[in-house]
Amino acid sequence: MPAFDPWDPAFLADPYPAYAELRAKGRVHYYEPTDQWLVPHHADVSALLRDRRLGRTYQHRFTHEDFGRTAPPPEHEPFHVLNDHGMLDLEPPDHTRIRRLVSKAFTPRTVEQLKPYVTGLAGELVDGLVKRGGGDLLTEVAEPLPVAVIAEMLGIPESDRGPLRPWSADICGMYELNPPEDVAARAVRASVEFSEYLLQLIAERRKEPGDDLISGLIAAHDEGDRLTEQEMISTCVLLLNAGHEATVNSTVNGWSALFHNPDQLAALRADHSLVPSAIEELMRYDTPLQLFERWVLDDIEIDGTVIPRGAEIAMLFGSANHDPEVFQNPGELDLTRKDNPHISFSAGIHYCIGAPLARIELAASMTGLLERAPTLALAAEPERKPNFVIRGLEGLRVEVG
């Protein structure tokens, strides 16, 4: 049985057997290389995501010194300023205030109104892939669709969208475990460049408002809802990063899983009504976000082990989504799975605000590929990215017969 080792290529290729070993050994494990407590069971992960004794930050209650932690190095400050003012890394009341403003753009009605645009764009991207006889599903369909959708929502002009995906990829590098200094340096540079761009765009929207989300946030601020300029910038970056990273990786992880489970792909091609349950099952089967961290704000006990204030808990989403106590035959891909309480979108107050939009995007691209590229096949075995936390592929070469 392989050991949990987030830097081992064999583990990264297939972490699920190591998760089974962790679950068998207990409910919580201290992992010295990252100074974290690993939690592998679905019931514990689900409960801890809702437990207010844990937080995405501790700075609303403690200084670094009080919490027994060292402040980040000064050269990383641009990344942390950007990251720490986004609602994903805030706790109430700041989290509540910002989420309330942003949620207006993600109401079921608003998201439903985006469906024709999303479906049309997905169709155009798939048509291009088919016309070329195939290509890289990652760069030609999976990436451009959600990036364009969230950029459209934010009001980022089409001519400015080129750097968005590289900026996002560099910033997200800092979410990996113990990122090396060159990864940190790229994240800092991207944080500076993205922030400077958004500062200019916000200034333009102040002069000439549109019907986009940035204009809406400015209007809300002017009407008395407090939103600092940094919070506005951080919110836009978070929406772009979170608004496409999971969708991109779910798309390529999912199609790779389908190609490697031809019976399930055949069933899906025969019955397109399986698309909604297929999306849920593919997100469970190969989870795009494998780990989510929380700080322990007050001592907490798990199965007789007291985890002290100041510690960090790493909830293993990928393991939770393969817990046999919740999922029957979790290692099997079953697109007809009915009882599927996966936690790929998290839970509690930090539940993914864009989950309904992500589902529409995933359904649009999957349906487009099923209808317009019914002979889609794998052209080359995909190479997995050397990342653990955000699980994805370097590319997914496909061909259309």
Protein backbone atom coordinates (compact mmCIF):
# COMPACT_ATOMS: atom_id res chain seq x y z
CA MET A 1 0.00 0.00 0.00
CA PRO A 2 1.54 3.38 -0.98
CA ALA A 3 2.17 5.94 1.73
CA PHE A 4 0.72 9.45 1.82
CA ASP A 5 3.44 11.51 0.11
CA PRO A 6 2.23 14.59 -1.78
CA TRP A 7 5.57 14.96 -3.59
CA ASP A 8 5.86 11.38 -4.86
CA PRO A 9 4.90 11.04 -8.58
CA ALA A 10 3.44 7.58 -7.90
CA PHE A 11 1.19 9.01 -5.19
CA LEU A 12 0.17 11.94 -7.40
CA ALA A 13 -0.72 9.52 -10.21
CA ASP A 14 -3.19 7.73 -7.92
CA PRO A 15 -3.53 8.97 -4.33
CA TYR A 16 -6.66 6.95 -3.56
CA PRO A 17 -4.98 3.73 -2.28
CA ALA A 18 -2.93 5.83 0.17
CA TYR A 19 -6.14 7.48 1.36
CA ALA A 20 -7.63 4.04 2.03
CA GLU A 21 -4.61 3.27 4.21
CA LEU A 22 -5.06 6.54 6.13
CA ARG A 23 -8.75 5.85 6.73
CA ALA A 24 -7.98 2.34 7.94
CA LYS A 25 -5.39 3.63 10.42
CA GLY A 26 -7.64 6.17 12.11
CA ARG A 27 -9.60 9.40 11.94
CA VAL A 28 -6.76 11.89 12.33
CA HIS A 29 -3.01 11.72 11.65
CA TYR A 30 -0.22 14.19 12.36
CA TYR A 31 1.91 14.74 9.23
CA GLU A 32 5.27 16.22 10.16
CA PRO A 33 6.49 17.36 6.69
CA THR A 34 3.72 19.98 6.53
CA ASP A 35 3.02 20.31 10.28
CA GLN A 36 -0.65 19.46 9.68
CA TRP A 37 -3.27 17.08 11.01
CA LEU A 38 -4.72 15.00 8.17
CA VAL A 39 -8.42 14.14 8.33
CA PRO A 40 -9.41 11.43 5.80
CA HIS A 41 -13.00 10.38 6.67
CA HIS A 42 -16.10 11.86 5.04
CA ALA A 43 -18.08 12.27 8.27
CA ASP A 44 -15.24 14.15 9.99
CA VAL A 45 -14.44 16.36 6.98
CA SER A 46 -18.12 17.23 6.53
CA ALA A 47 -18.51 18.10 10.23
CA LEU A 48 -15.28 20.11 10.46
CA LEU A 49 -16.20 22.23 7.44
CA ARG A 50 -19.14 23.47 9.53
CA ASP A 51 -17.29 23.73 12.87
CA ARG A 52 -16.77 27.34 13.98
CA ARG A 53 -13.83 26.31 16.19
CA LEU A 54 -11.91 26.20 12.92
CA GLY A 55 -11.23 29.10 10.59
CA ARG A 56 -9.68 29.89 7.23
CA THR A 57 -7.81 32.66 9.04
CA TYR A 58 -6.90 33.36 12.64
CA GLN A 59 -5.96 37.02 12.27
CA HIS A 60 -9.47 38.18 13.17
CA ARG A 61 -8.76 36.86 16.69
CA PHE A 62 -5.02 36.47 17.16
CA THR A 63 -1.71 37.96 16.12
CA HIS A 64 0.84 35.62 14.55
CA GLU A 65 2.74 35.62 17.85
CA ASP A 66 -0.35 34.90 19.99
CA PHE A 67 -1.19 32.00 17.69
CA GLY A 68 2.30 30.55 17.81
CA ARG A 69 2.90 31.16 14.12
CA THR A 70 5.56 33.02 12.18
CA ALA A 71 4.48 35.87 9.92
CA PRO A 72 5.03 35.24 6.19
CA PRO A 73 8.31 36.61 4.81
CA PRO A 74 8.05 40.27 3.71
CA GLU A 75 8.84 39.43 0.09
CA HIS A 76 5.60 37.38 -0.06
CA GLU A 77 3.47 40.28 1.18
CA PRO A 78 1.78 41.14 -2.18
CA PHE A 79 0.41 37.60 -2.43
CA HIS A 80 -0.85 37.55 1.17
CA VAL A 81 -2.43 41.01 0.92
CA LEU A 82 -4.31 39.85 -2.16
CA ASN A 83 -5.21 36.43 -0.77
CA ASP A 84 -6.11 37.47 2.77
CA HIS A 85 -8.73 40.03 1.67
CA GLY A 86 -10.76 37.58 -0.40
CA MET A 87 -13.84 36.07 1.22
CA LEU A 88 -12.46 32.52 1.02
CA ASP A 89 -9.79 33.47 3.56
CA LEU A 90 -11.96 35.68 5.75
CA GLU A 91 -14.23 34.80 8.66
CA PRO A 92 -17.40 36.58 9.85
CA PRO A 93 -18.28 39.40 9.98
CA ASP A 94 -16.06 40.38 7.00
CA HIS A 95 -16.78 37.13 5.16
CA THR A 96 -20.53 37.58 5.66
CA ARG A 97 -20.47 41.18 4.41
CA ILE A 98 -18.53 40.42 1.21
CA ARG A 99 -20.34 37.16 0.43
CA ARG A 100 -23.70 38.92 0.75
CA LEU A 101 -22.64 41.43 -1.92
CA VAL A 102 -21.14 38.87 -4.29
CA SER A 103 -24.01 36.40 -3.91
CA LYS A 104 -26.28 38.81 -5.77
CA ALA A 105 -24.38 37.92 -8.93
CA PHE A 106 -24.82 34.19 -8.32
CA THR A 107 -28.53 33.90 -7.59
CA PRO A 108 -30.24 30.94 -9.34
CA ARG A 109 -32.03 33.39 -11.64
CA THR A 110 -28.85 35.23 -12.61
CA VAL A 111 -26.96 32.01 -13.24
CA GLU A 112 -29.85 30.56 -15.26
CA GLN A 113 -29.78 33.67 -17.46
CA LEU A 114 -26.15 32.87 -18.33
CA LYS A 115 -27.04 29.41 -19.68
CA PRO A 116 -27.61 30.45 -23.34
CA TYR A 117 -24.27 32.30 -23.42
CA VAL A 118 -22.43 29.38 -21.80
CA THR A 119 -24.08 26.80 -24.05
CA GLY A 120 -23.38 28.85 -27.18
CA LEU A 121 -19.72 29.41 -26.31
CA ALA A 122 -19.23 25.74 -25.44
CA GLY A 123 -20.70 24.79 -28.82
CA GLU A 124 -18.35 27.16 -30.66
CA LEU A 125 -15.30 25.79 -28.83
CA VAL A 126 -16.29 22.17 -29.53
CA ASP A 127 -16.97 22.99 -33.20
CA GLY A 128 -13.45 24.40 -33.48
CA LEU A 129 -11.99 21.25 -31.94
CA VAL A 130 -14.00 19.05 -34.34
CA LYS A 131 -13.01 21.14 -37.36
CA ARG A 132 -9.33 20.63 -36.49
CA GLY A 133 -9.86 16.88 -36.08
CA GLY A 134 -8.93 17.08 -32.38
CA GLY A 135 -6.32 18.79 -30.24
CA ASP A 136 -5.77 19.55 -26.57
CA LEU A 137 -9.11 19.44 -24.78
CA LEU A 138 -7.55 21.40 -21.91
CA THR A 139 -6.48 24.48 -23.88
CA GLU A 140 -9.18 24.38 -26.57
CA VAL A 141 -12.34 23.74 -24.52
CA ALA A 142 -11.79 23.21 -20.78
CA GLU A 143 -9.88 26.46 -20.12
CA PRO A 144 -11.42 29.03 -22.48
CA LEU A 145 -15.04 28.33 -21.48
CA PRO A 146 -15.01 29.14 -17.72
CA VAL A 147 -12.36 31.86 -18.11
CA ALA A 148 -14.53 33.65 -20.68
CA VAL A 149 -17.67 33.26 -18.56
CA ILE A 150 -16.19 34.71 -15.37
CA ALA A 151 -14.36 37.44 -17.32
CA GLU A 152 -17.67 38.35 -18.97
CA MET A 153 -19.36 38.51 -15.56
CA LEU A 154 -16.60 40.73 -14.18
CA GLY A 155 -16.60 42.95 -17.26
CA ILE A 156 -13.00 42.25 -18.32
CA PRO A 157 -12.69 43.20 -22.02
CA GLU A 158 -11.94 40.33 -24.39
CA SER A 159 -8.69 41.98 -25.47
CA ASP A 160 -7.42 41.91 -21.85
CA ARG A 161 -8.12 38.24 -21.10
CA GLY A 162 -4.85 36.70 -22.31
CA PRO A 163 -2.95 36.97 -18.98
CA LEU A 164 -5.87 35.84 -16.79
CA ARG A 165 -5.19 32.10 -16.91
CA PRO A 166 -1.37 32.43 -16.43
CA TRP A 167 -1.89 34.85 -13.52
CA SER A 168 -4.35 32.44 -11.94
CA ALA A 169 -2.08 29.43 -12.40
CA ASP A 170 0.86 31.27 -10.81
CA ILE A 171 -1.18 32.51 -7.85
CA CYS A 172 -2.67 29.05 -7.25
CA GLY A 173 0.84 27.60 -7.05
CA MET A 174 1.00 29.03 -3.53
CA TYR A 175 -1.83 26.78 -2.42
CA GLU A 176 0.33 23.69 -2.81
CA LEU A 177 2.00 22.20 0.27
CA ASN A 178 5.34 23.83 1.13
CA PRO A 179 5.69 25.66 -2.22
CA PRO A 180 9.33 26.25 -3.26
CA GLU A 181 10.68 29.79 -3.51
CA ASP A 182 10.48 30.01 -7.31
CA VAL A 183 6.76 29.14 -7.14
CA ALA A 184 6.28 31.78 -4.43
CA ALA A 185 8.12 34.36 -6.53
CA ARG A 186 5.84 33.72 -9.51
CA ALA A 187 2.76 33.98 -7.28
CA VAL A 188 3.97 37.31 -5.90
CA ARG A 189 4.67 38.69 -9.38
CA ALA A 190 1.25 37.56 -10.65
CA SER A 191 -0.43 39.08 -7.56
CA VAL A 192 1.20 42.44 -8.27
CA GLU A 193 0.40 42.43 -12.00
CA PHE A 194 -3.20 41.24 -11.56
CA SER A 195 -3.83 43.78 -8.78
CA GLU A 196 -2.42 46.64 -10.87
CA TYR A 197 -4.61 45.65 -13.81
CA LEU A 198 -7.75 45.52 -11.65
CA LEU A 199 -6.96 48.87 -10.07
CA GLN A 200 -7.02 50.42 -13.53
CA LEU A 201 -10.20 48.57 -14.52
CA ILE A 202 -11.98 49.62 -11.32
CA ALA A 203 -10.99 53.24 -11.99
CA GLU A 204 -12.45 52.96 -15.51
CA ARG A 205 -15.68 51.44 -14.20
CA ARG A 206 -16.03 54.26 -11.69
CA LYS A 207 -16.05 56.69 -14.62
CA GLU A 208 -18.12 54.54 -16.96
CA PRO A 209 -20.19 51.89 -15.09
CA GLY A 210 -21.55 48.88 -16.96
CA ASP A 211 -23.85 46.03 -16.03
CA ASP A 212 -20.94 43.86 -14.90
CA LEU A 213 -20.04 42.60 -11.43
CA ILE A 214 -17.22 45.11 -10.86
CA SER A 215 -19.63 47.99 -11.56
CA GLY A 216 -22.12 46.35 -9.19
CA LEU A 217 -19.55 46.14 -6.39
CA ILE A 218 -18.63 49.80 -6.91
CA ALA A 219 -22.31 50.78 -6.78
CA ALA A 220 -22.85 48.75 -3.62
CA HIS A 221 -19.87 50.47 -2.00
CA ASP A 222 -21.18 53.90 -2.98
CA GLU A 223 -24.60 53.03 -1.54
CA GLY A 224 -23.13 52.32 1.89
CA ASP A 225 -22.14 48.65 1.82
CA ARG A 226 -18.55 48.84 3.02
CA LEU A 227 -16.11 47.30 0.57
CA THR A 228 -12.53 48.51 0.52
CA GLU A 229 -10.66 48.77 -2.75
CA GLN A 230 -8.40 45.90 -1.68
CA GLU A 231 -11.42 43.75 -0.87
CA MET A 232 -12.81 44.54 -4.31
CA ILE A 233 -9.55 43.54 -6.02
CA SER A 234 -9.19 40.38 -3.91
CA THR A 235 -12.80 39.42 -4.59
CA CYS A 236 -12.35 39.75 -8.36
CA VAL A 237 -9.17 37.64 -8.29
CA LEU A 238 -10.84 35.01 -6.11
CA LEU A 239 -13.85 34.82 -8.42
CA LEU A 240 -11.62 34.37 -11.44
CA ASN A 241 -9.36 31.78 -9.80
CA ALA A 242 -12.09 29.80 -8.05
CA GLY A 243 -14.47 30.44 -10.94
CA HIS A 244 -12.47 28.42 -13.39
CA GLU A 245 -9.78 26.28 -11.70
CA ALA A 246 -12.21 23.63 -10.44
CA THR A 247 -14.19 23.63 -13.69
CA VAL A 248 -11.08 23.28 -15.86
CA ASN A 249 -9.70 20.41 -13.80
CA SER A 250 -13.08 18.71 -13.43
CA THR A 251 -13.42 18.74 -17.21
CA VAL A 252 -10.06 17.15 -18.02
CA ASN A 253 -10.00 14.82 -15.00
CA GLY A 254 -13.52 13.77 -15.90
CA TRP A 255 -12.89 13.06 -19.59
CA SER A 256 -9.68 11.21 -18.74
CA ALA A 257 -11.70 9.05 -16.34
CA LEU A 258 -14.32 8.43 -19.04
CA PHE A 259 -11.71 7.41 -21.60
CA HIS A 260 -10.25 4.97 -19.06
CA ASN A 261 -13.73 3.57 -18.26
CA PRO A 262 -15.07 2.90 -21.77
CA ASP A 263 -18.20 1.11 -20.52
CA GLN A 264 -19.26 4.25 -18.64
CA LEU A 265 -18.44 6.47 -21.63
CA ALA A 266 -20.53 4.19 -23.87
CA ALA A 267 -23.46 4.41 -21.43
CA LEU A 268 -23.20 8.22 -21.39
CA ARG A 269 -23.09 8.39 -25.19
CA ALA A 270 -26.16 6.20 -25.35
CA ASP A 271 -28.09 8.29 -22.83
CA HIS A 272 -27.32 12.00 -22.57
CA SER A 273 -29.83 12.34 -19.73
CA LEU A 274 -27.02 10.93 -17.53
CA VAL A 275 -25.05 14.19 -17.87
CA PRO A 276 -26.15 15.72 -14.51
CA SER A 277 -25.35 12.61 -12.47
CA ALA A 278 -22.18 12.04 -14.51
CA ILE A 279 -20.88 15.49 -13.55
CA GLU A 280 -21.43 14.79 -9.85
CA GLU A 281 -19.84 11.36 -10.07
CA LEU A 282 -16.80 12.57 -12.02
CA MET A 283 -16.19 15.33 -9.46
CA ARG A 284 -16.34 12.69 -6.74
CA TYR A 285 -14.29 10.08 -8.55
CA ASP A 286 -11.27 12.31 -9.25
CA THR A 287 -11.67 15.33 -7.02
CA PRO A 288 -10.27 18.61 -8.43
CA LEU A 289 -9.46 20.05 -4.98
CA GLN A 290 -7.82 17.31 -2.94
CA LEU A 291 -7.14 19.18 0.31
CA PHE A 292 -8.63 22.14 2.17
CA GLU A 293 -6.98 23.72 5.20
CA ARG A 294 -8.38 25.18 8.40
CA TRP A 295 -6.72 26.75 11.44
CA VAL A 296 -7.69 25.49 14.89
CA LEU A 297 -9.00 28.56 16.74
CA ASP A 298 -10.02 26.62 19.86
CA ASP A 299 -8.85 23.19 20.98
CA ILE A 300 -10.75 20.43 19.24
CA GLU A 301 -10.91 16.69 19.87
CA ILE A 302 -11.12 14.05 17.14
CA ASP A 303 -11.42 10.41 18.22
CA GLY A 304 -9.67 11.04 21.53
CA THR A 305 -6.86 13.16 20.02
CA VAL A 306 -6.85 16.78 21.18
CA ILE A 307 -5.69 19.11 18.41
CA PRO A 308 -4.55 22.33 20.06
CA ARG A 309 -5.26 25.92 19.16
CA GLY A 310 -2.68 27.10 16.64
CA ALA A 311 -2.53 23.81 14.76
CA GLU A 312 -3.60 23.38 11.16
CA ILE A 313 -6.02 20.74 9.93
CA ALA A 314 -5.86 19.43 6.38
CA MET A 315 -9.19 17.97 5.30
CA LEU A 316 -8.64 15.42 2.54
CA PHE A 317 -11.53 15.96 0.12
CA GLY A 318 -10.26 13.27 -2.24
CA SER A 319 -10.21 10.73 0.57
CA ALA A 320 -13.62 11.78 1.89
CA ASN A 321 -15.08 11.33 -1.59
CA HIS A 322 -13.81 7.72 -1.62
CA ASP A 323 -14.95 6.76 1.88
CA PRO A 324 -16.69 3.36 1.65
CA GLU A 325 -18.82 4.22 4.69
CA VAL A 326 -20.59 6.78 2.49
CA PHE A 327 -20.07 5.60 -1.10
CA GLN A 328 -20.70 2.03 -2.22
CA ASN A 329 -17.72 0.73 -4.25
CA PRO A 330 -16.05 4.17 -4.17
CA GLY A 331 -13.20 3.11 -6.46
CA GLU A 332 -15.64 2.36 -9.28
CA LEU A 333 -16.90 5.04 -11.65
CA ASP A 334 -20.70 4.81 -11.71
CA LEU A 335 -22.41 7.57 -13.69
CA THR A 336 -25.82 6.41 -12.44
CA ARG A 337 -24.84 6.82 -8.78
CA LYS A 338 -27.88 8.30 -7.04
CA ASP A 339 -26.72 8.85 -3.45
CA ASN A 340 -23.67 11.07 -4.02
CA PRO A 341 -23.01 13.55 -1.18
CA HIS A 342 -19.53 14.45 -2.44
CA ILE A 343 -17.86 17.48 -0.89
CA SER A 344 -15.96 18.72 -3.94
CA PHE A 345 -17.65 22.12 -3.53
CA SER A 346 -16.85 22.22 0.22
CA ALA A 347 -19.57 22.89 2.83
CA GLY A 348 -20.57 25.33 5.56
CA ILE A 349 -20.14 29.08 5.20
CA HIS A 350 -17.36 28.59 2.62
CA TYR A 351 -19.47 26.40 0.32
CA CYS A 352 -18.57 27.31 -3.26
CA ILE A 353 -20.71 30.27 -4.24
CA GLY A 354 -20.18 29.47 -7.91
CA ALA A 355 -21.23 25.80 -7.74
CA PRO A 356 -24.45 26.33 -9.79
CA LEU A 357 -22.48 28.14 -12.50
CA ALA A 358 -19.77 25.45 -12.51
CA ARG A 359 -22.44 22.78 -13.05
CA ILE A 360 -23.89 24.72 -15.99
CA GLU A 361 -20.43 25.07 -17.56
CA LEU A 362 -19.57 21.40 -17.05
CA ALA A 363 -22.92 20.33 -18.50
CA ALA A 364 -22.53 22.65 -21.49
CA SER A 365 -19.08 21.38 -22.46
CA MET A 366 -19.94 17.73 -21.81
CA THR A 367 -23.18 17.91 -23.80
CA GLY A 368 -21.44 19.80 -26.59
CA LEU A 369 -18.75 17.13 -26.85
CA LEU A 370 -21.25 14.26 -26.71
CA GLU A 371 -23.44 15.79 -29.42
CA ARG A 372 -20.84 17.32 -31.74
CA ALA A 373 -17.92 14.93 -31.23
CA PRO A 374 -19.55 11.52 -30.67
CA THR A 375 -16.35 9.71 -31.75
CA LEU A 376 -14.04 11.69 -29.45
CA ALA A 377 -11.12 9.48 -28.39
CA LEU A 378 -7.92 9.77 -26.41
CA ALA A 379 -4.97 10.51 -28.71
CA ALA A 380 -2.19 10.20 -26.12
CA GLU A 381 -1.95 9.15 -22.50
CA PRO A 382 -2.23 12.35 -20.44
CA GLU A 383 0.51 13.61 -18.15
CA ARG A 384 -0.57 14.64 -14.67
CA LYS A 385 0.48 18.00 -13.26
CA PRO A 386 3.04 17.66 -10.43
CA ASN A 387 0.54 19.23 -8.02
CA PHE A 388 -1.33 17.66 -5.15
CA VAL A 389 -3.81 20.19 -3.73
CA ILE A 390 -5.22 21.27 -7.12
CA ARG A 391 -5.40 18.04 -9.11
CA GLY A 392 -5.26 18.35 -12.88
CA LEU A 393 -3.54 17.37 -16.11
CA GLU A 394 -0.84 19.05 -18.20
CA GLY A 395 -3.08 18.47 -21.20
CA LEU A 396 -5.56 16.02 -22.71
CA ARG A 397 -4.85 15.23 -26.35
CA VAL A 398 -7.95 13.97 -28.16
CA GLU A 399 -8.90 13.09 -31.72
CA VAL A 400 -12.18 13.15 -33.58
CA GLY A 401 -12.69 10.30 -36.01
